[in-house]
Amino acid sequence: MSIALSSTISPISNAKDSPVSVDDVSPHQAQMAAPQKMLELFVEESTTAIVGASTLDLNVVITPFKRAKVTHNTNESFTIDNNKIFFQSMSQEPFSVFVTEDDDPNAPQYKMMFVPSNVPIGFQIKLKPDIPYVPKSAKREQTANPKSDGYSTDLSNIATGVAKFLADRRNLKHLPEGFRVDDDFAKPPYYIGNVLMNPELRIIGTNYDVYVMNANNRANIDLQLSAPDFATLSPTTGVVEDAFEDERARLVGFYPRKVLAPGQSTSLILIHEPRRL
């Protein structure tokens, strides 16, 4: 089963040379608007990412893998340098590839379709997976260490467990160790822009609380949800009673989708670090 979970750690950097944002335009449009800037491309196994490629300069794809591998049936050639994939398109014919981890049959595979053009600057693309990939060596280290929901537990692992919990009809076996569902949680709905937020669950851990919201698109156009827009936990939302005015979630996740058609819903996962007495 593919668990579609998109997440962003907050706070978000506003550096002058930050990568191109694709919140309002397609990745290909963002590239063509600023070919000199790196594109942060959100990828998931169930979706084909469509991006540009230069026929006149070297392109690079920065992957989340330790040793990337390209599987394809095209005439293009690629150079692999650990987690980076370099290539220069041979023609302007679109082509597709799958990118994965070499020597790990259980690693995710991300499909990318390249649309080449005579852009004089090679494109730089950094893949941002919906579920962070953990290399086999790191998995062995995690197995050797006892699990807890404290600071030693990666936030993305908590979010992934909650997504699996939601996918498997709220099967409690998927919850991270040390977490439990708050059966008394009940908060009123609220709006963020044109998205109706309906609080559904609170999952309590020793150091983190997880809030699960149902996010429904009430606009008449498609909306691409952006994690920073939904990270707020200010008291005005009524979800966290003791939150500061500018308080934000440590991590924001979307399951199973982050692009909503009119009337469509998705689950929003907010990981909060409360002030325990």
Foldseek 3Di string as FASTA:
>chain_A
DWWQKAKDFDDDDPDPQDAFDPQPHAQAVSCVVPVPGEHEAEFTQVDEHEYEWAQQDKAKEQELEQWKDKDFDDPWDWDTDGRMIIGHDPDQDKGKIWMFYPPDPPTGITMYIYGYDNDNHGHHYYYDYSQRDDDPVRVVVVVVDDDFPDPVDDPSQQVVLVSVCVVVVNDVVSHGPQKDWDPPDADCWDDQVQWIWHWDTWIDGDFKIKTKIKIWGQDQAKGQADWVSPFDPACVRVRDPPDHRRDGFRMKMWTPHRIAHHGDITMIMGIHGDDDD
